[in-house]
Structure formats: structure tokens, C-alpha cells
PDB file of N, CA and C in Angstrom:
ATOM      1  N   UNK A   1      27.514 133.217 -25.389  1.00  0.00           N
ATOM      2  CA  UNK A   1      28.847 133.050 -25.941  1.00  0.00           C
ATOM      3  C   UNK A   1      29.615 131.939 -25.205  1.00  0.00           C
ATOM      4  N   UNK A   2      29.582 131.963 -23.882  1.00  0.00           N
ATOM      5  CA  UNK A   2      30.305 130.969 -23.101  1.00  0.00           C
ATOM      6  C   UNK A   2      29.699 129.585 -23.217  1.00  0.00           C
ATOM      7  N   UNK A   3      28.356 129.514 -23.283  1.00  0.00           N
ATOM      8  CA  UNK A   3      27.689 128.224 -23.385  1.00  0.00           C
ATOM      9  C   UNK A   3      27.964 127.564 -24.736  1.00  0.00           C
ATOM     10  N   UNK A   4      27.963 128.348 -25.800  1.00  0.00           N
ATOM     11  CA  UNK A   4      28.248 127.811 -27.130  1.00  0.00           C
ATOM     12  C   UNK A   4      29.678 127.278 -27.205  1.00  0.00           C
ATOM     13  N   UNK A   5      30.599 127.993 -26.587  1.00  0.00           N
ATOM     14  CA  UNK A   5      31.996 127.540 -26.579  1.00  0.00           C
ATOM     15  C   UNK A   5      32.135 126.231 -25.797  1.00  0.00           C
ATOM     16  N   UNK A   6      31.416 126.129 -24.681  1.00  0.00           N
ATOM     17  CA  UNK A   6      31.440 124.900 -23.882  1.00  0.00           C
ATOM     18  C   UNK A   6      30.854 123.731 -24.667  1.00  0.00           C
ATOM     19  N   UNK A   7      29.742 123.961 -25.358  1.00  0.00           N
ATOM     20  CA  UNK A   7      29.115 122.900 -26.151  1.00  0.00           C
ATOM     21  C   UNK A   7      30.043 122.477 -27.286  1.00  0.00           C
ATOM     22  N   UNK A   8      30.685 123.436 -27.942  1.00  0.00           N
ATOM     23  CA  UNK A   8      31.632 123.088 -29.003  1.00  0.00           C
ATOM     24  C   UNK A   8      32.805 122.270 -28.456  1.00  0.00           C
ATOM     25  N   UNK A   9      33.306 122.645 -27.288  1.00  0.00           N
ATOM     26  CA  UNK A   9      34.411 121.911 -26.668  1.00  0.00           C
ATOM     27  C   UNK A   9      33.979 120.494 -26.301  1.00  0.00           C
ATOM     28  N   UNK A  10      32.762 120.364 -25.754  1.00  0.00           N
ATOM     29  CA  UNK A  10      32.245 119.040 -25.412  1.00  0.00           C
ATOM     30  C   UNK A  10      32.105 118.179 -26.662  1.00  0.00           C
ATOM     31  N   UNK A  11      31.558 118.755 -27.720  1.00  0.00           N
ATOM     32  CA  UNK A  11      31.411 118.012 -28.969  1.00  0.00           C
ATOM     33  C   UNK A  11      32.760 117.593 -29.538  1.00  0.00           C
ATOM     34  N   UNK A  12      33.756 118.460 -29.410  1.00  0.00           N
ATOM     35  CA  UNK A  12      35.102 118.121 -29.880  1.00  0.00           C
ATOM     36  C   UNK A  12      35.665 116.947 -29.092  1.00  0.00           C
ATOM     37  N   UNK A  13      35.559 116.983 -27.759  1.00  0.00           N
ATOM     38  CA  UNK A  13      36.096 115.899 -26.937  1.00  0.00           C
ATOM     39  C   UNK A  13      35.323 114.602 -27.161  1.00  0.00           C
ATOM     40  N   UNK A  14      34.005 114.691 -27.386  1.00  0.00           N
ATOM     41  CA  UNK A  14      33.234 113.476 -27.665  1.00  0.00           C
ATOM     42  C   UNK A  14      33.646 112.877 -29.006  1.00  0.00           C
ATOM     43  N   UNK A  15      33.884 113.715 -30.001  1.00  0.00           N
ATOM     44  CA  UNK A  15      34.356 113.230 -31.296  1.00  0.00           C
ATOM     45  C   UNK A  15      35.711 112.544 -31.146  1.00  0.00           C
ATOM     46  N   UNK A  16      36.614 113.141 -30.378  1.00  0.00           N
ATOM     47  CA  UNK A  16      37.912 112.520 -30.144  1.00  0.00           C
ATOM     48  C   UNK A  16      37.764 111.170 -29.440  1.00  0.00           C
ATOM     49  N   UNK A  17      36.850 111.106 -28.466  1.00  0.00           N
ATOM     50  CA  UNK A  17      36.602 109.848 -27.749  1.00  0.00           C
ATOM     51  C   UNK A  17      36.088 108.780 -28.705  1.00  0.00           C
ATOM     52  N   UNK A  18      35.127 109.128 -29.550  1.00  0.00           N
ATOM     53  CA  UNK A  18      34.567 108.132 -30.463  1.00  0.00           C
ATOM     54  C   UNK A  18      35.581 107.678 -31.499  1.00  0.00           C
ATOM     55  N   UNK A  19      36.411 108.580 -31.956  1.00  0.00           N
ATOM     56  CA  UNK A  19      37.405 108.193 -32.956  1.00  0.00           C
ATOM     57  C   UNK A  19      38.535 107.371 -32.349  1.00  0.00           C
ATOM     58  N   UNK A  20      38.992 107.734 -31.181  1.00  0.00           N
ATOM     59  CA  UNK A  20      40.121 107.035 -30.561  1.00  0.00           C
ATOM     60  C   UNK A  20      39.741 105.645 -30.048  1.00  0.00           C
ATOM     61  N   UNK A  21      38.503 105.476 -29.631  1.00  0.00           N
ATOM     62  CA  UNK A  21      38.091 104.178 -29.107  1.00  0.00           C
ATOM     63  C   UNK A  21      37.353 103.332 -30.133  1.00  0.00           C
ATOM     64  N   UNK A  22      37.163 103.860 -31.324  1.00  0.00           N
ATOM     65  CA  UNK A  22      36.471 103.172 -32.419  1.00  0.00           C
ATOM     66  C   UNK A  22      35.026 102.857 -32.065  1.00  0.00           C
ATOM     67  N   UNK A  23      34.425 103.643 -31.217  1.00  0.00           N
ATOM     68  CA  UNK A  23      33.025 103.464 -30.849  1.00  0.00           C
ATOM     69  C   UNK A  23      32.113 103.811 -32.021  1.00  0.00           C
ATOM     70  N   UNK A  24      32.593 104.644 -32.914  1.00  0.00           N
ATOM     71  CA  UNK A  24      31.767 105.065 -34.044  1.00  0.00           C
ATOM     72  C   UNK A  24      31.419 103.902 -34.976  1.00  0.00           C
ATOM     73  N   UNK A  25      32.128 102.797 -34.881  1.00  0.00           N
ATOM     74  CA  UNK A  25      31.839 101.648 -35.735  1.00  0.00           C
ATOM     75  C   UNK A  25      30.778 100.723 -35.148  1.00  0.00           C
ATOM     76  N   UNK A  26      30.352 100.974 -33.919  1.00  0.00           N
ATOM     77  CA  UNK A  26      29.364 100.119 -33.273  1.00  0.00           C
ATOM     78  C   UNK A  26      27.946 100.571 -33.620  1.00  0.00           C
ATOM     79  N   UNK A  27      27.011  99.670 -33.378  1.00  0.00           N
ATOM     80  CA  UNK A  27      25.599 100.004 -33.540  1.00  0.00           C
ATOM     81  C   UNK A  27      25.194 100.967 -32.414  1.00  0.00           C
ATOM     82  N   UNK A  28      24.135 101.747 -32.608  1.00  0.00           N
ATOM     83  CA  UNK A  28      23.725 102.706 -31.568  1.00  0.00           C
ATOM     84  C   UNK A  28      23.465 102.060 -30.204  1.00  0.00           C
ATOM     85  N   UNK A  29      22.875 100.868 -30.188  1.00  0.00           N
ATOM     86  CA  UNK A  29      22.644 100.182 -28.913  1.00  0.00           C
ATOM     87  C   UNK A  29      23.958  99.796 -28.254  1.00  0.00           C
ATOM     88  N   UNK A  30      24.898  99.328 -29.047  1.00  0.00           N
ATOM     89  CA  UNK A  30      26.205  98.949 -28.504  1.00  0.00           C
ATOM     90  C   UNK A  30      26.950 100.172 -27.979  1.00  0.00           C
ATOM     91  N   UNK A  31      26.811 101.294 -28.666  1.00  0.00           N
ATOM     92  CA  UNK A  31      27.451 102.534 -28.204  1.00  0.00           C
ATOM     93  C   UNK A  31      26.894 102.922 -26.841  1.00  0.00           C
ATOM     94  N   UNK A  32      25.577 102.803 -26.662  1.00  0.00           N
ATOM     95  CA  UNK A  32      24.971 103.129 -25.366  1.00  0.00           C
ATOM     96  C   UNK A  32      25.469 102.192 -24.273  1.00  0.00           C
ATOM     97  N   UNK A  33      25.628 100.914 -24.594  1.00  0.00           N
ATOM     98  CA  UNK A  33      26.112  99.947 -23.609  1.00  0.00           C
ATOM     99  C   UNK A  33      27.561 100.259 -23.223  1.00  0.00           C
ATOM    100  N   UNK A  34      28.406 100.525 -24.221  1.00  0.00           N
ATOM    101  CA  UNK A  34      29.814 100.828 -23.945  1.00  0.00           C
ATOM    102  C   UNK A  34      29.930 102.116 -23.137  1.00  0.00           C
ATOM    103  N   UNK A  35      29.159 103.134 -23.506  1.00  0.00           N
ATOM    104  CA  UNK A  35      29.201 104.395 -22.765  1.00  0.00           C
ATOM    105  C   UNK A  35      28.689 104.220 -21.338  1.00  0.00           C
ATOM    106  N   UNK A  36      27.654 103.391 -21.165  1.00  0.00           N
ATOM    107  CA  UNK A  36      27.139 103.136 -19.819  1.00  0.00           C
ATOM    108  C   UNK A  36      28.169 102.432 -18.949  1.00  0.00           C
ATOM    109  N   UNK A  37      28.857 101.465 -19.520  1.00  0.00           N
ATOM    110  CA  UNK A  37      29.899 100.761 -18.761  1.00  0.00           C
ATOM    111  C   UNK A  37      31.030 101.721 -18.391  1.00  0.00           C
ATOM    112  N   UNK A  38      31.425 102.568 -19.328  1.00  0.00           N
ATOM    113  CA  UNK A  38      32.486 103.540 -19.052  1.00  0.00           C
ATOM    114  C   UNK A  38      32.074 104.515 -17.957  1.00  0.00           C
ATOM    115  N   UNK A  39      30.849 105.010 -18.029  1.00  0.00           N
ATOM    116  CA  UNK A  39      30.360 105.932 -16.991  1.00  0.00           C
ATOM    117  C   UNK A  39      30.298 105.231 -15.642  1.00  0.00           C
ATOM    118  N   UNK A  40      29.878 103.973 -15.623  1.00  0.00           N
ATOM    119  CA  UNK A  40      29.818 103.230 -14.364  1.00  0.00           C
ATOM    120  C   UNK A  40      31.201 103.035 -13.765  1.00  0.00           C
ATOM    121  N   UNK A  41      32.179 102.717 -14.588  1.00  0.00           N
ATOM    122  CA  UNK A  41      33.551 102.534 -14.093  1.00  0.00           C
ATOM    123  C   UNK A  41      34.103 103.841 -13.531  1.00  0.00           C
ATOM    124  N   UNK A  42      33.882 104.937 -14.248  1.00  0.00           N
ATOM    125  CA  UNK A  42      34.366 106.240 -13.778  1.00  0.00           C
ATOM    126  C   UNK A  42      33.655 106.639 -12.484  1.00  0.00           C
ATOM    127  N   UNK A  43      32.343 106.388 -12.411  1.00  0.00           N
ATOM    128  CA  UNK A  43      31.596 106.721 -11.198  1.00  0.00           C
ATOM    129  C   UNK A  43      32.089 105.907 -10.000  1.00  0.00           C
ATOM    130  N   UNK A  44      32.342 104.621 -10.199  1.00  0.00           N
ATOM    131  CA  UNK A  44      32.852 103.791  -9.097  1.00  0.00           C
ATOM    132  C   UNK A  44      34.246 104.233  -8.663  1.00  0.00           C
ATOM    133  N   UNK A  45      35.082 104.608  -9.616  1.00  0.00           N
ATOM    134  CA  UNK A  45      36.425 105.084  -9.265  1.00  0.00           C
ATOM    135  C   UNK A  45      36.349 106.390  -8.485  1.00  0.00           C
ATOM    136  N   UNK A  46      35.468 107.294  -8.901  1.00  0.00           N
ATOM    137  CA  UNK A  46      35.326 108.569  -8.186  1.00  0.00           C
ATOM    138  C   UNK A  46      34.753 108.350  -6.786  1.00  0.00           C
ATOM    139  N   UNK A  47      33.786 107.445  -6.663  1.00  0.00           N
ATOM    140  CA  UNK A  47      33.208 107.167  -5.353  1.00  0.00           C
ATOM    141  C   UNK A  47      34.241 106.570  -4.408  1.00  0.00           C
ATOM    142  N   UNK A  48      35.010 105.593  -4.888  1.00  0.00           N
ATOM    143  CA  UNK A  48      36.007 104.978  -4.012  1.00  0.00           C
ATOM    144  C   UNK A  48      37.117 105.967  -3.662  1.00  0.00           C
ATOM    145  N   UNK A  49      37.458 106.861  -4.583  1.00  0.00           N
ATOM    146  CA  UNK A  49      38.442 107.897  -4.256  1.00  0.00           C
ATOM    147  C   UNK A  49      37.886 108.833  -3.193  1.00  0.00           C
ATOM    148  N   UNK A  50      36.607 109.172  -3.296  1.00  0.00           N
ATOM    149  CA  UNK A  50      35.969 110.048  -2.306  1.00  0.00           C
ATOM    150  C   UNK A  50      35.922 109.389  -0.936  1.00  0.00           C
ATOM    151  N   UNK A  51      35.684 108.094  -0.903  1.00  0.00           N
ATOM    152  CA  UNK A  51      35.541 107.393   0.375  1.00  0.00           C
ATOM    153  C   UNK A  51      36.894 107.081   1.003  1.00  0.00           C
ATOM    154  N   UNK A  52      37.860 106.593   0.209  1.00  0.00           N
ATOM    155  CA  UNK A  52      39.076 106.049   0.790  1.00  0.00           C
ATOM    156  C   UNK A  52      40.267 107.006   0.788  1.00  0.00           C
ATOM    157  N   UNK A  53      40.393 107.890  -0.181  1.00  0.00           N
ATOM    158  CA  UNK A  53      41.583 108.730  -0.257  1.00  0.00           C
ATOM    159  C   UNK A  53      41.759 109.712   0.901  1.00  0.00           C
ATOM    160  N   UNK A  54      40.706 110.350   1.428  1.00  0.00           N
ATOM    161  CA  UNK A  54      40.945 111.262   2.552  1.00  0.00           C
ATOM    162  C   UNK A  54      41.589 110.576   3.750  1.00  0.00           C
ATOM    163  N   UNK A  55      41.142 109.381   4.082  1.00  0.00           N
ATOM    164  CA  UNK A  55      41.739 108.659   5.211  1.00  0.00           C
ATOM    165  C   UNK A  55      43.180 108.283   4.950  1.00  0.00           C
ATOM    166  N   UNK A  56      43.474 107.845   3.734  1.00  0.00           N
ATOM    167  CA  UNK A  56      44.844 107.476   3.400  1.00  0.00           C
ATOM    168  C   UNK A  56      45.743 108.711   3.372  1.00  0.00           C
ATOM    169  N   UNK A  57      45.222 109.829   2.911  1.00  0.00           N
ATOM    170  CA  UNK A  57      46.026 111.053   2.881  1.00  0.00           C
ATOM    171  C   UNK A  57      46.379 111.491   4.291  1.00  0.00           C
ATOM    172  N   UNK A  58      45.442 111.401   5.220  1.00  0.00           N
ATOM    173  CA  UNK A  58      45.719 111.766   6.610  1.00  0.00           C
ATOM    174  C   UNK A  58      46.757 110.820   7.203  1.00  0.00           C
ATOM    175  N   UNK A  59      46.635 109.520   6.925  1.00  0.00           N
ATOM    176  CA  UNK A  59      47.626 108.568   7.437  1.00  0.00           C
ATOM    177  C   UNK A  59      49.008 108.854   6.868  1.00  0.00           C
ATOM    178  N   UNK A  60      49.080 109.225   5.588  1.00  0.00           N
ATOM    179  CA  UNK A  60      50.379 109.538   4.980  1.00  0.00           C
ATOM    180  C   UNK A  60      50.996 110.781   5.614  1.00  0.00           C
ATOM    181  N   UNK A  61      50.174 111.791   5.900  1.00  0.00           N
ATOM    182  CA  UNK A  61      50.691 113.004   6.535  1.00  0.00           C
ATOM    183  C   UNK A  61      51.231 112.682   7.914  1.00  0.00           C
ATOM    184  N   UNK A  62      50.503 111.882   8.698  1.00  0.00           N
ATOM    185  CA  UNK A  62      50.992 111.494  10.021  1.00  0.00           C
ATOM    186  C   UNK A  62      52.283 110.694   9.918  1.00  0.00           C
ATOM    187  N   UNK A  63      52.380 109.810   8.938  1.00  0.00           N
ATOM    188  CA  UNK A  63      53.584 109.009   8.766  1.00  0.00           C
ATOM    189  C   UNK A  63      54.783 109.887   8.408  1.00  0.00           C
ATOM    190  N   UNK A  64      54.596 110.841   7.510  1.00  0.00           N
ATOM    191  CA  UNK A  64      55.686 111.736   7.125  1.00  0.00           C
ATOM    192  C   UNK A  64      56.091 112.621   8.298  1.00  0.00           C
ATOM    193  N   UNK A  65      55.112 113.094   9.063  1.00  0.00           N
ATOM    194  CA  UNK A  65      55.441 113.887  10.261  1.00  0.00           C
ATOM    195  C   UNK A  65      56.266 113.067  11.232  1.00  0.00           C
ATOM    196  N   UNK A  66      55.925 111.794  11.395  1.00  0.00           N
ATOM    197  CA  UNK A  66      56.671 110.924  12.293  1.00  0.00           C
ATOM    198  C   UNK A  66      58.079 110.674  11.760  1.00  0.00           C
ATOM    199  N   UNK A  67      58.204 110.470  10.437  1.00  0.00           N
ATOM    200  CA  UNK A  67      59.523 110.232   9.858  1.00  0.00           C
ATOM    201  C   UNK A  67      60.438 111.438   9.981  1.00  0.00           C
ATOM    202  N   UNK A  68      59.877 112.625   9.852  1.00  0.00           N
ATOM    203  CA  UNK A  68      60.671 113.848   9.930  1.00  0.00           C
ATOM    204  C   UNK A  68      60.821 114.366  11.358  1.00  0.00           C
ATOM    205  N   UNK A  69      60.346 113.569  12.337  1.00  0.00           N
ATOM    206  CA  UNK A  69      60.416 113.917  13.760  1.00  0.00           C
ATOM    207  C   UNK A  69      59.717 115.235  14.062  1.00  0.00           C
ATOM    208  N   UNK A  70      58.684 115.557  13.316  1.00  0.00           N
ATOM    209  CA  UNK A  70      57.892 116.753  13.609  1.00  0.00           C
ATOM    210  C   UNK A  70      56.975 116.464  14.791  1.00  0.00           C
ATOM    211  N   UNK A  71      56.471 115.251  14.850  1.00  0.00           N
ATOM    212  CA  UNK A  71      55.579 114.825  15.924  1.00  0.00           C
ATOM    213  C   UNK A  71      56.209 113.615  16.592  1.00  0.00           C
ATOM    214  N   UNK A  72      56.259 113.610  17.931  1.00  0.00           N
ATOM    215  CA  UNK A  72      56.878 112.481  18.617  1.00  0.00           C
ATOM    216  C   UNK A  72      55.912 111.309  18.763  1.00  0.00           C
ATOM    217  N   UNK A  73      54.605 111.557  18.776  1.00  0.00           N
ATOM    218  CA  UNK A  73      53.622 110.494  18.899  1.00  0.00           C
ATOM    219  C   UNK A  73      52.901 110.339  17.553  1.00  0.00           C
ATOM    220  N   UNK A  74      53.124 109.231  16.862  1.00  0.00           N
ATOM    221  CA  UNK A  74      52.505 109.065  15.540  1.00  0.00           C
ATOM    222  C   UNK A  74      51.047 108.611  15.586  1.00  0.00           C
ATOM    223  N   UNK A  75      50.417 108.583  16.737  1.00  0.00           N
ATOM    224  CA  UNK A  75      49.031 108.151  16.913  1.00  0.00           C
ATOM    225  C   UNK A  75      48.853 106.678  16.598  1.00  0.00           C
ATOM    226  N   UNK A  76      49.911 105.928  16.569  1.00  0.00           N
ATOM    227  CA  UNK A  76      49.836 104.479  16.396  1.00  0.00           C
ATOM    228  C   UNK A  76      50.818 103.848  17.364  1.00  0.00           C
ATOM    229  N   UNK A  77      50.578 102.608  17.698  1.00  0.00           N
ATOM    230  CA  UNK A  77      51.478 101.896  18.587  1.00  0.00           C
ATOM    231  C   UNK A  77      52.574 101.234  17.782  1.00  0.00           C
ATOM    232  N   UNK A  78      53.778 101.262  18.320  1.00  0.00           N
ATOM    233  CA  UNK A  78      54.895 100.594  17.674  1.00  0.00           C
ATOM    234  C   UNK A  78      54.862  99.113  18.028  1.00  0.00           C
ATOM    235  N   UNK A  79      55.100  98.296  17.037  1.00  0.00           N
ATOM    236  CA  UNK A  79      55.169  96.843  17.256  1.00  0.00           C
ATOM    237  C   UNK A  79      56.634  96.460  17.272  1.00  0.00           C
ATOM    238  N   UNK A  80      57.044  95.785  18.362  1.00  0.00           N
ATOM    239  CA  UNK A  80      58.449  95.401  18.440  1.00  0.00           C
ATOM    240  C   UNK A  80      58.631  93.920  18.476  1.00  0.00           C
TER     241      UNK A  80
END
């Protein structure tokens, strides 16, 4: 029951994707190329978010702690 509902939901979202992006008008080879490029872009965005966002989030937390005077040492040197 749950798997059929998931497959129906996936098919619905894929239909919406093909209709909204007009991919349905392309040849099957072109559809595969466009989908491959889209998957590659999403994969690269997810990878860079995985690599870079944790470090930036920690730096932002330290900066906010320093601004709110929660921590007196911001773990960085002040440039004057």
C-alpha cells in the first residue's frame, strides 16, 4: 500500500516536471541529456552544500555569539 502510493506520487511529480519544463516535447535522447544535466547540477549543489555549509554555519554561530557578548573570545584575531 505504501509503495504504490509512493510510486503514484513520484509519477505525479515527474509528470508535473515534464509539463512545466516542456521536456515532453523533446526527443527521448534529448530528454535523457536534459535530465542528466539537471541531476548533475543538483548533485553538485548538494555536494558543495555538504562540504561548505557546516563550516560556514559554525563561523556564523561564533560571530553571533561574539556580537551578543556571549563569548568574549571569538576565536579570531581582531584587525585594527
